Amino acid sequence: MNGFKNIKIKNFRGIKNLEIDDLGRVNILVGKNNSGKSTVLEAIFLLTGMASADTVQKLNSIRTRTPYSPLNDVHYLFHRMNTAIKPEFFAEDFMGETRTVLLNLTTSEDEQNLESQTNVKNGMPPISDAKIRPNTLKLYIETNIKKYYNSTIFKPDGRIVNKRNTDDYSEKYASVFLTADLWNTYLAVDLTDIFKRKQKSIVLERMTHFDPQITDIDILQDDVYIDYENMIEKLPLRMAGDGMRRYLNIVAASANPTNNIILIDEIDNGLHYSTYKKLWEAIFALATNSDKQIFITTHNAETLKQLAEMLSEHPEYQQEMHLYTIAKTLKKQHQAYLYTYETLSFACENDIEIRGLV
């Protein structure tokens, strides 16, 4: 199986220390607001983005919904915004390979000189010693085979001045992060990859399960169109309902053979409760058939009830589901509490709250 079987997170955003063991194919994270669910997704995204020096920059961009996050925002990645304490991430995959990632915000004289030279080249004054500031994010990556690093130099507004990647690093995991927004910037890319490999039928099968009147999906001039029965022209996806857009975003990401780790934040956002079971079935089928690992956050009780019902109808997926309640305790900081299908089903049948410690 592809993916991670355990992860550890230290000093990242609001998480001081968190370990999650016994991960499965489809991992659902529940918990109270601000419990750290989305932060776990971001940590996994960082663990799988080492081939790109600007992965860290993308994390804040995801939260701020902007192309560039100002350099001053970088300190939000550090626990209690203390940049002296370096965030650290560890993961072990199902093949026994391990990786450790360390994040550091620093200033190097060589890197400041490089930025000064860039300023002069662009007709701007060089950086004086009095204005030296942290301007470089470094990621140190250590696997059980070799050590690597990459670095990114930023301008104050967040624009990238220079990237330095370890030349021989090759990332085996390609992850995609679907935010709670209804729009997914990866959608056209996902669909193009799927159509190019002549696998449109996989997506279309899941979409007709969502709405039987759908007959086709196309990409025309970088826009996605849906074809319905008895309509004289195809409908742009932007004119479809929120549920349709969210459902297609998730299905396309899960079906794309180039993605092997899918991160979905607030899966139920924009969806009517009547579609939850269909979406859960699609996710488990696509993940199982194409050997993907999926991480999902939710705080919706109805979503979990529909998940339990779907699993009762599809026992072949029951062992693939691992559900964790992420909670911040007074004595042990953040903890992850595992629920199997049996414990999830029992909790739903007896109205037992599992989304956070009382």
Protein backbone atom coordinates (compact mmCIF):
# COMPACT_ATOMS: atom_id res chain seq x y z
CA MET A 1 0.00 0.00 0.00
CA ASN A 2 1.19 3.52 -0.81
CA GLY A 3 1.37 6.17 1.88
CA PHE A 4 2.30 6.66 5.52
CA LYS A 5 1.56 4.30 8.39
CA ASN A 6 2.49 6.82 11.09
CA ILE A 7 3.40 10.49 11.44
CA LYS A 8 4.77 12.78 14.15
CA ILE A 9 4.39 16.55 14.28
CA LYS A 10 6.34 18.86 16.59
CA ASN A 11 6.15 22.64 17.07
CA PHE A 12 3.96 23.29 14.03
CA ARG A 13 1.29 26.02 14.22
CA GLY A 14 -0.87 25.22 17.27
CA ILE A 15 0.52 21.71 17.73
CA LYS A 16 3.34 21.26 20.22
CA ASN A 17 3.50 17.50 19.82
CA LEU A 18 1.22 14.98 18.10
CA GLU A 19 1.72 11.37 17.03
CA ILE A 20 -0.71 9.40 14.88
CA ASP A 21 -0.06 5.69 14.50
CA ASP A 22 -1.77 2.93 12.56
CA LEU A 23 -2.89 5.04 9.61
CA GLY A 24 -4.94 3.34 6.92
CA ARG A 25 -6.04 3.90 3.36
CA VAL A 26 -8.82 6.39 4.19
CA ASN A 27 -8.15 8.43 7.32
CA ILE A 28 -10.83 10.72 8.74
CA LEU A 29 -9.87 13.41 11.26
CA VAL A 30 -12.57 14.82 13.52
CA GLY A 31 -12.39 17.21 16.43
CA LYS A 32 -13.57 20.51 17.81
CA ASN A 33 -12.86 23.81 16.05
CA ASN A 34 -9.20 24.77 16.28
CA SER A 35 -8.23 21.27 17.39
CA GLY A 36 -5.52 20.97 14.73
CA LYS A 37 -7.27 18.88 12.04
CA SER A 38 -6.28 21.15 9.15
CA THR A 39 -2.78 21.51 10.60
CA VAL A 40 -2.32 17.75 10.30
CA LEU A 41 -3.22 17.94 6.60
CA GLU A 42 -0.71 20.75 6.14
CA ALA A 43 2.01 18.72 7.87
CA ILE A 44 1.41 15.81 5.49
CA PHE A 45 1.45 18.22 2.54
CA LEU A 46 4.81 19.48 3.73
CA LEU A 47 6.13 15.94 4.19
CA THR A 48 5.26 15.14 0.57
CA GLY A 49 6.43 18.42 -0.98
CA MET A 50 10.16 18.27 -0.49
CA ALA A 51 10.94 18.34 -4.19
CA SER A 52 9.64 21.92 -4.35
CA ALA A 53 11.44 24.63 -2.37
CA ASP A 54 8.31 26.80 -2.14
CA THR A 55 6.04 24.19 -0.53
CA VAL A 56 6.11 26.07 2.78
CA GLN A 57 5.02 29.24 1.00
CA LYS A 58 2.05 27.37 -0.44
CA LEU A 59 0.79 26.48 3.03
CA ASN A 60 0.14 30.05 4.07
CA SER A 61 -1.20 30.83 0.62
CA ILE A 62 -3.78 28.09 1.12
CA ARG A 63 -4.94 29.72 4.35
CA THR A 64 -4.88 33.30 3.11
CA ARG A 65 -6.35 32.43 -0.34
CA THR A 66 -3.70 34.60 -2.02
CA PRO A 67 -1.00 33.75 -4.61
CA TYR A 68 1.74 35.01 -2.31
CA SER A 69 1.82 35.09 1.45
CA PRO A 70 3.99 37.92 2.87
CA LEU A 71 7.26 36.82 4.44
CA ASN A 72 6.05 38.16 7.78
CA ASP A 73 3.36 35.46 7.72
CA VAL A 74 5.98 32.71 7.90
CA HIS A 75 6.16 32.92 11.68
CA TYR A 76 2.57 31.64 11.83
CA LEU A 77 3.96 28.22 10.86
CA PHE A 78 5.98 28.09 14.07
CA HIS A 79 4.51 26.97 17.37
CA ARG A 80 3.37 30.02 19.34
CA MET A 81 4.98 32.03 16.51
CA ASN A 82 8.43 31.46 18.01
CA THR A 83 10.81 31.11 15.05
CA ALA A 84 13.61 29.97 17.34
CA ILE A 85 11.81 26.63 17.83
CA LYS A 86 11.97 24.70 14.58
CA PRO A 87 8.95 22.70 13.38
CA GLU A 88 9.79 19.04 12.86
CA PHE A 89 7.92 16.32 10.99
CA PHE A 90 8.47 12.57 10.83
CA ALA A 91 6.77 9.85 8.82
CA GLU A 92 7.24 6.17 8.12
CA ASP A 93 5.61 4.61 5.09
CA PHE A 94 4.32 1.08 4.55
CA MET A 95 7.60 0.07 2.89
CA GLY A 96 9.54 0.92 6.05
CA GLU A 97 11.13 4.07 4.61
CA THR A 98 11.33 7.02 7.00
CA ARG A 99 11.65 10.74 6.46
CA THR A 100 12.30 13.62 8.84
CA VAL A 101 11.78 17.25 7.83
CA LEU A 102 13.03 20.27 9.76
CA LEU A 103 11.89 23.82 8.96
CA ASN A 104 14.16 26.78 9.64
CA LEU A 105 13.82 30.53 9.05
CA THR A 106 17.25 32.07 8.73
CA THR A 107 19.48 34.72 7.21
CA SER A 108 22.70 33.95 5.40
CA GLU A 109 25.26 36.51 4.31
CA ASP A 110 25.63 34.77 0.96
CA GLU A 111 21.89 34.76 0.46
CA GLN A 112 21.61 38.44 1.44
CA ASN A 113 24.39 39.22 -1.02
CA LEU A 114 22.54 37.29 -3.71
CA GLU A 115 19.37 39.31 -3.05
CA SER A 116 21.41 42.55 -3.08
CA GLN A 117 22.84 41.59 -6.47
CA THR A 118 19.34 40.86 -7.71
CA ASN A 119 18.16 44.27 -6.51
CA VAL A 120 21.03 46.03 -8.32
CA LYS A 121 20.33 44.05 -11.47
CA ASN A 122 16.70 45.19 -11.34
CA GLY A 123 17.63 48.82 -10.80
CA MET A 124 16.94 48.85 -7.05
CA PRO A 125 19.35 49.81 -4.26
CA PRO A 126 21.28 46.96 -2.61
CA ILE A 127 20.35 45.74 0.84
CA SER A 128 22.39 47.48 3.53
CA ASP A 129 23.66 45.72 6.64
CA ALA A 130 21.19 47.73 8.70
CA LYS A 131 18.30 46.17 6.82
CA ILE A 132 19.38 42.55 7.11
CA ARG A 133 16.39 40.42 8.08
CA PRO A 134 15.39 36.75 7.97
CA ASN A 135 14.69 36.10 4.33
CA THR A 136 15.29 32.39 3.77
CA LEU A 137 13.27 29.29 4.53
CA LYS A 138 15.29 26.10 4.69
CA LEU A 139 13.94 22.56 4.72
CA TYR A 140 16.24 19.84 5.91
CA ILE A 141 15.15 16.40 4.77
CA GLU A 142 16.61 13.19 6.12
CA THR A 143 15.51 9.77 4.91
CA ASN A 144 16.89 6.42 5.99
CA ILE A 145 18.99 6.58 2.82
CA LYS A 146 20.34 10.12 2.53
CA LYS A 147 20.13 13.74 3.73
CA TYR A 148 18.86 16.58 1.53
CA TYR A 149 17.94 20.23 1.85
CA ASN A 150 16.28 22.98 -0.13
CA SER A 151 15.98 26.70 0.49
CA THR A 152 13.88 29.57 -0.77
CA ILE A 153 14.75 33.27 -0.61
CA PHE A 154 11.77 35.63 -0.39
CA LYS A 155 11.07 39.30 -0.80
CA PRO A 156 9.08 40.93 2.05
CA ASP A 157 5.87 40.71 0.02
CA GLY A 158 6.30 36.97 -0.37
CA ARG A 159 7.57 36.84 -3.93
CA ILE A 160 10.32 34.29 -4.47
CA VAL A 161 13.78 35.62 -5.34
CA ASN A 162 15.64 32.35 -5.66
CA LYS A 163 15.20 28.62 -5.08
CA ARG A 164 17.85 26.06 -4.29
CA ASN A 165 16.86 22.42 -4.39
CA THR A 166 18.92 19.32 -3.76
CA ASP A 167 19.48 18.09 -7.30
CA ASP A 168 19.18 14.36 -6.69
CA TYR A 169 16.04 14.40 -4.54
CA SER A 170 13.10 12.61 -6.15
CA GLU A 171 9.71 12.65 -4.39
CA LYS A 172 7.85 9.34 -4.51
CA TYR A 173 4.59 10.79 -3.14
CA ALA A 174 2.51 13.30 -5.09
CA SER A 175 -0.06 14.95 -2.82
CA VAL A 176 -2.93 17.28 -3.65
CA PHE A 177 -4.59 19.57 -1.08
CA LEU A 178 -8.30 20.31 -1.52
CA THR A 179 -9.25 23.20 0.73
CA ALA A 180 -12.69 23.91 2.14
CA ASP A 181 -13.24 26.32 -0.77
CA LEU A 182 -15.63 25.13 -3.43
CA TRP A 183 -13.17 25.93 -6.20
CA ASN A 184 -10.17 23.73 -6.81
CA THR A 185 -7.28 25.10 -8.84
CA TYR A 186 -6.19 21.53 -9.59
CA LEU A 187 -9.45 20.48 -11.24
CA ALA A 188 -8.54 21.16 -14.89
CA VAL A 189 -5.13 19.54 -14.35
CA ASP A 190 -6.69 16.48 -12.74
CA LEU A 191 -9.26 16.05 -15.49
CA THR A 192 -6.66 16.58 -18.24
CA ASP A 193 -4.45 13.85 -16.77
CA ILE A 194 -7.44 11.52 -16.50
CA PHE A 195 -8.73 12.19 -20.03
CA LYS A 196 -5.24 11.87 -21.53
CA ARG A 197 -5.01 8.36 -20.10
CA LYS A 198 -8.43 7.50 -21.54
CA GLN A 199 -9.93 7.10 -18.07
CA LYS A 200 -12.83 9.54 -18.38
CA SER A 201 -15.27 6.69 -17.83
CA ILE A 202 -14.05 6.37 -14.22
CA VAL A 203 -15.05 9.96 -13.43
CA LEU A 204 -18.21 9.84 -15.51
CA GLU A 205 -19.40 6.71 -13.71
CA ARG A 206 -19.10 8.48 -10.35
CA MET A 207 -20.75 11.66 -11.64
CA THR A 208 -23.75 9.81 -13.07
CA HIS A 209 -24.08 8.15 -9.66
CA PHE A 210 -24.32 11.69 -8.27
CA ASP A 211 -26.80 12.84 -10.96
CA PRO A 212 -28.15 10.26 -13.48
CA GLN A 213 -28.91 13.03 -16.02
CA ILE A 214 -25.20 13.77 -16.57
CA THR A 215 -24.03 12.35 -19.90
CA ASP A 216 -20.53 13.79 -20.36
CA ILE A 217 -17.76 16.01 -18.97
CA ASP A 218 -15.45 18.11 -21.14
CA ILE A 219 -12.67 20.68 -20.86
CA LEU A 220 -13.13 23.53 -23.35
CA GLN A 221 -10.71 26.47 -23.35
CA ASP A 222 -9.45 25.55 -19.86
CA ASP A 223 -12.99 25.53 -18.48
CA VAL A 224 -14.95 22.48 -17.34
CA TYR A 225 -18.36 21.76 -18.87
CA ILE A 226 -21.08 19.30 -17.87
CA ASP A 227 -23.43 17.76 -20.45
CA TYR A 228 -26.96 16.87 -19.35
CA GLU A 229 -29.74 14.99 -21.07
CA ASN A 230 -32.17 17.12 -23.10
CA MET A 231 -30.04 20.31 -22.87
CA ILE A 232 -29.19 22.12 -26.08
CA GLU A 233 -25.68 23.03 -24.88
CA LYS A 234 -23.21 22.05 -22.19
CA LEU A 235 -23.27 23.82 -18.85
CA PRO A 236 -20.11 25.51 -17.50
CA LEU A 237 -19.20 24.04 -14.14
CA ARG A 238 -19.06 27.56 -12.67
CA MET A 239 -22.82 27.76 -13.30
CA ALA A 240 -23.52 24.45 -11.54
CA GLY A 241 -24.44 24.13 -7.90
CA ASP A 242 -21.98 24.11 -5.01
CA GLY A 243 -22.49 20.40 -4.41
CA MET A 244 -21.73 19.49 -7.99
CA ARG A 245 -18.48 21.47 -7.97
CA ARG A 246 -17.32 20.05 -4.65
CA TYR A 247 -18.20 16.49 -5.63
CA LEU A 248 -16.37 16.72 -8.98
CA ASN A 249 -13.31 18.30 -7.37
CA ILE A 250 -12.97 15.40 -4.93
CA VAL A 251 -13.72 12.68 -7.49
CA ALA A 252 -11.25 14.09 -10.04
CA ALA A 253 -8.45 14.42 -7.49
CA SER A 254 -9.06 10.89 -6.24
CA ALA A 255 -9.24 9.44 -9.76
CA ASN A 256 -6.14 11.16 -11.13
CA PRO A 257 -3.46 8.43 -11.38
CA THR A 258 -0.65 10.96 -10.83
CA ASN A 259 -1.90 11.71 -7.28
CA ASN A 260 -1.23 9.14 -4.59
CA ILE A 261 -2.00 11.12 -1.42
CA ILE A 262 -5.22 13.18 -1.30
CA LEU A 263 -5.82 15.78 1.45
CA ILE A 264 -9.42 17.00 1.77
CA ASP A 265 -10.31 19.72 4.28
CA GLU A 266 -13.95 19.92 5.48
CA ILE A 267 -15.21 17.33 3.03
CA ASP A 268 -18.89 18.15 3.59
CA ASN A 269 -18.56 21.83 2.69
CA GLY A 270 -21.09 22.78 -0.01
CA LEU A 271 -22.70 19.32 -0.13
CA HIS A 272 -26.28 18.38 0.71
CA TYR A 273 -26.51 15.59 3.28
CA SER A 274 -28.20 13.32 0.72
CA THR A 275 -24.95 13.12 -1.26
CA TYR A 276 -22.65 12.17 1.63
CA LYS A 277 -23.07 8.42 1.23
CA LYS A 278 -22.46 8.61 -2.53
CA LEU A 279 -19.29 10.60 -1.98
CA TRP A 280 -17.97 8.22 0.68
CA GLU A 281 -18.57 5.29 -1.65
CA ALA A 282 -16.75 7.05 -4.48
CA ILE A 283 -13.77 7.93 -2.29
CA PHE A 284 -13.30 4.39 -0.95
CA ALA A 285 -13.76 2.81 -4.39
CA LEU A 286 -11.28 5.15 -6.08
CA ALA A 287 -8.72 4.90 -3.26
CA THR A 288 -8.88 1.11 -3.18
CA ASN A 289 -8.83 0.55 -6.93
CA SER A 290 -5.90 2.92 -7.55
CA ASP A 291 -3.91 2.35 -4.32
CA LYS A 292 -4.18 5.88 -2.92
CA GLN A 293 -4.11 7.17 0.64
CA ILE A 294 -6.66 9.81 1.61
CA PHE A 295 -6.84 12.15 4.61
CA ILE A 296 -10.12 13.94 5.35
CA THR A 297 -11.31 16.40 7.98
CA THR A 298 -14.89 16.96 9.07
CA HIS A 299 -16.90 18.09 12.09
CA ASN A 300 -20.30 17.13 10.70
CA ALA A 301 -22.19 14.42 12.63
CA GLU A 302 -24.45 13.57 9.67
CA THR A 303 -21.36 12.99 7.49
CA LEU A 304 -20.12 10.39 9.98
CA LYS A 305 -23.51 8.68 10.19
CA GLN A 306 -23.63 8.38 6.40
CA LEU A 307 -20.07 7.03 6.45
CA ALA A 308 -21.10 4.31 8.93
CA GLU A 309 -24.12 3.41 6.78
CA MET A 310 -22.03 3.21 3.62
CA LEU A 311 -19.48 0.95 5.34
CA SER A 312 -22.26 -1.33 6.59
CA GLU A 313 -23.36 -1.76 2.96
CA HIS A 314 -19.78 -2.26 1.76
CA PRO A 315 -17.96 -4.51 4.24
CA GLU A 316 -14.99 -4.70 1.87
CA TYR A 317 -14.12 -1.12 2.85
CA GLN A 318 -14.51 -1.45 6.62
CA GLN A 319 -10.88 -2.28 7.38
CA GLU A 320 -9.69 0.55 5.10
CA MET A 321 -11.27 3.23 7.34
CA HIS A 322 -9.34 4.72 10.25
CA LEU A 323 -11.05 7.57 12.11
CA TYR A 324 -9.20 9.76 14.61
CA THR A 325 -10.49 12.28 17.08
CA ILE A 326 -7.87 15.02 17.41
CA ALA A 327 -8.08 16.63 20.83
CA LYS A 328 -5.96 18.99 22.89
CA THR A 329 -5.76 17.74 26.46
CA LEU A 330 -4.61 19.66 29.54
CA LYS A 331 -1.82 17.26 30.49
CA LYS A 332 -0.80 15.47 27.29
CA GLN A 333 -1.14 18.27 24.73
CA HIS A 334 -2.55 16.99 21.43
CA GLN A 335 -3.68 13.38 21.24
CA ALA A 336 -5.19 11.23 18.49
CA TYR A 337 -7.82 8.66 19.50
CA LEU A 338 -8.52 5.88 17.00
CA TYR A 339 -12.00 4.63 16.04
CA THR A 340 -12.44 1.57 13.85
CA TYR A 341 -15.56 0.81 11.84
CA GLU A 342 -16.99 -1.15 14.76
CA THR A 343 -16.52 1.67 17.27
CA LEU A 344 -17.77 4.27 14.77
CA SER A 345 -20.88 2.22 14.08
CA PHE A 346 -21.54 1.72 17.81
CA ALA A 347 -21.12 5.46 18.48
CA CYS A 348 -23.54 6.41 15.68
CA GLU A 349 -26.16 3.89 16.76
CA ASN A 350 -26.03 5.10 20.36
CA ASP A 351 -25.60 8.85 19.71
CA ILE A 352 -22.19 8.90 21.37
CA GLU A 353 -20.23 12.06 20.62
CA ILE A 354 -16.84 11.26 19.07
CA ARG A 355 -15.97 14.61 17.50
CA GLY A 356 -14.15 15.92 20.56
CA LEU A 357 -13.54 15.35 24.24
CA VAL A 358 -16.26 16.73 26.47
